[in-house]
Structures are given as C-alpha cells and as structure tokens.
Amino acid sequence: MTGRRTLYEIYWEILVFCKSPKAFTAIINRCDLNSKTGQEYIEFLVQKGYLSVQKDGDRTLYVATGHAHEYIALFSDLYQKLFDKIPGFRL
C-alpha cells in the first residue's frame, strides 16, 4: 500500500508515539503533520479520551490513555488482516 495515510493511520501513529508524554511539536514533527491539522487530530483524540493532557511546568504534554491501547491493538489487528503486515511507523 502506498500513498497518503488515512485518518485512522494518523491517529494510530499519534497514539503509538504518545505511549510516553510528548510535546505538541514533537508529535507533529514525528508524525509529519502541519500545525493546523496536527492540532485538530490531537484535540479530537483528547476529546475522545485517547490522549490525556499533562502539565509539566509551563509545557503541555500529551500521553496515550488506557483507552488508546485498545484502539492501537484493534487498528493493528485490522491492518494486518487487510494488508498481511503490521502498520509501519518510524519510531
């Protein structure tokens, strides 16, 4: 499979990357997103309970919740069944 990532793949990438707390700029850089769309994706994941917000002094960090682990597992399983491989992500 080549081409653009789906919205679900981007969510998966963000959640996998945020297994430990990450800053907004780290997320958009690692997941290759622009600021506007990155903010939309992160806000959606926070609203749905897949990411939580942590404060570290004046920094805002995002970390995947237990609820996110279910999404990661389900998405990985579905992706593997469709494409006979696990989703790739350059961690």
Protein backbone atom coordinates (compact mmCIF):
# COMPACT_ATOMS: atom_id res chain seq x y z
CA MET A 1 0.00 0.00 0.00
CA THR A 2 1.38 3.37 -0.95
CA GLY A 3 0.13 6.90 -1.00
CA ARG A 4 -1.46 9.09 1.60
CA ARG A 5 -2.15 7.89 5.10
CA THR A 6 -5.72 7.53 6.22
CA LEU A 7 -7.06 9.46 9.17
CA TYR A 8 -7.08 6.20 11.16
CA GLU A 9 -3.39 5.60 10.41
CA ILE A 10 -2.54 9.10 11.57
CA TYR A 11 -4.48 8.58 14.80
CA TRP A 12 -2.64 5.28 15.27
CA GLU A 13 0.74 6.95 14.69
CA ILE A 14 -0.01 9.71 17.20
CA LEU A 15 -1.18 7.24 19.84
CA VAL A 16 1.79 4.91 19.36
CA PHE A 17 4.21 7.83 19.60
CA CYS A 18 2.48 9.15 22.73
CA LYS A 19 2.94 6.00 24.81
CA SER A 20 5.13 8.28 26.88
CA PRO A 21 4.34 12.00 27.31
CA LYS A 22 5.18 14.12 24.26
CA ALA A 23 5.03 17.82 23.44
CA PHE A 24 2.88 19.10 20.58
CA THR A 25 5.90 19.99 18.43
CA ALA A 26 7.42 16.54 18.94
CA ILE A 27 4.15 14.92 17.82
CA ILE A 28 3.72 16.99 14.67
CA ASN A 29 7.38 16.59 13.72
CA ARG A 30 7.49 12.83 14.26
CA CYS A 31 4.11 12.21 12.62
CA ASP A 32 4.87 14.60 9.73
CA LEU A 33 1.85 16.87 10.26
CA ASN A 34 1.37 20.59 9.89
CA SER A 35 0.38 22.57 12.97
CA LYS A 36 -3.24 23.14 11.97
CA THR A 37 -4.13 19.54 11.16
CA GLY A 38 -1.97 18.25 14.00
CA GLN A 39 -3.90 20.38 16.46
CA GLU A 40 -7.22 19.11 15.06
CA TYR A 41 -6.14 15.47 15.37
CA ILE A 42 -4.79 15.93 18.89
CA GLU A 43 -7.90 17.81 20.06
CA PHE A 44 -10.10 15.04 18.66
CA LEU A 45 -8.08 12.34 20.43
CA VAL A 46 -8.23 14.30 23.71
CA GLN A 47 -12.00 14.79 23.40
CA LYS A 48 -12.49 11.06 22.76
CA GLY A 49 -10.36 10.12 25.75
CA TYR A 50 -7.49 8.54 23.80
CA LEU A 51 -4.97 11.21 24.82
CA SER A 52 -4.70 12.97 28.14
CA VAL A 53 -3.13 16.35 28.77
CA GLN A 54 -0.36 16.66 31.33
CA LYS A 55 1.25 19.86 32.53
CA ASP A 56 4.99 19.93 33.15
CA GLY A 57 5.63 23.43 34.44
CA ASP A 58 4.65 25.65 31.53
CA ARG A 59 4.79 22.79 29.00
CA THR A 60 1.76 20.85 27.82
CA LEU A 61 2.37 17.18 27.16
CA TYR A 62 0.11 14.54 25.64
CA VAL A 63 0.08 10.87 26.61
CA ALA A 64 -1.97 7.94 25.36
CA THR A 65 -4.55 6.65 27.82
CA GLY A 66 -5.54 3.07 28.55
CA HIS A 67 -8.44 3.62 26.18
CA ALA A 68 -5.89 4.31 23.41
CA HIS A 69 -4.25 0.93 23.87
CA GLU A 70 -7.48 -0.74 22.78
CA TYR A 71 -7.57 1.40 19.60
CA ILE A 72 -3.91 0.64 18.86
CA ALA A 73 -4.48 -3.11 19.21
CA LEU A 74 -7.69 -3.16 17.16
CA PHE A 75 -6.27 -0.98 14.40
CA SER A 76 -3.06 -3.05 14.22
CA ASP A 77 -5.05 -6.29 14.01
CA LEU A 78 -7.36 -4.98 11.29
CA TYR A 79 -4.46 -3.52 9.31
CA GLN A 80 -2.57 -6.81 9.50
CA LYS A 81 -5.61 -8.75 8.28
CA LEU A 82 -6.11 -6.38 5.35
CA PHE A 83 -2.51 -6.00 4.25
CA ASP A 84 -0.71 -9.07 5.68
CA LYS A 85 1.69 -6.82 7.60
CA ILE A 86 1.65 -4.61 10.65
CA PRO A 87 1.34 -0.86 10.17
CA GLY A 88 4.68 0.84 9.72
CA PHE A 89 5.85 3.79 11.74
CA ARG A 90 9.35 5.15 12.03
CA LEU A 91 9.80 5.28 15.81
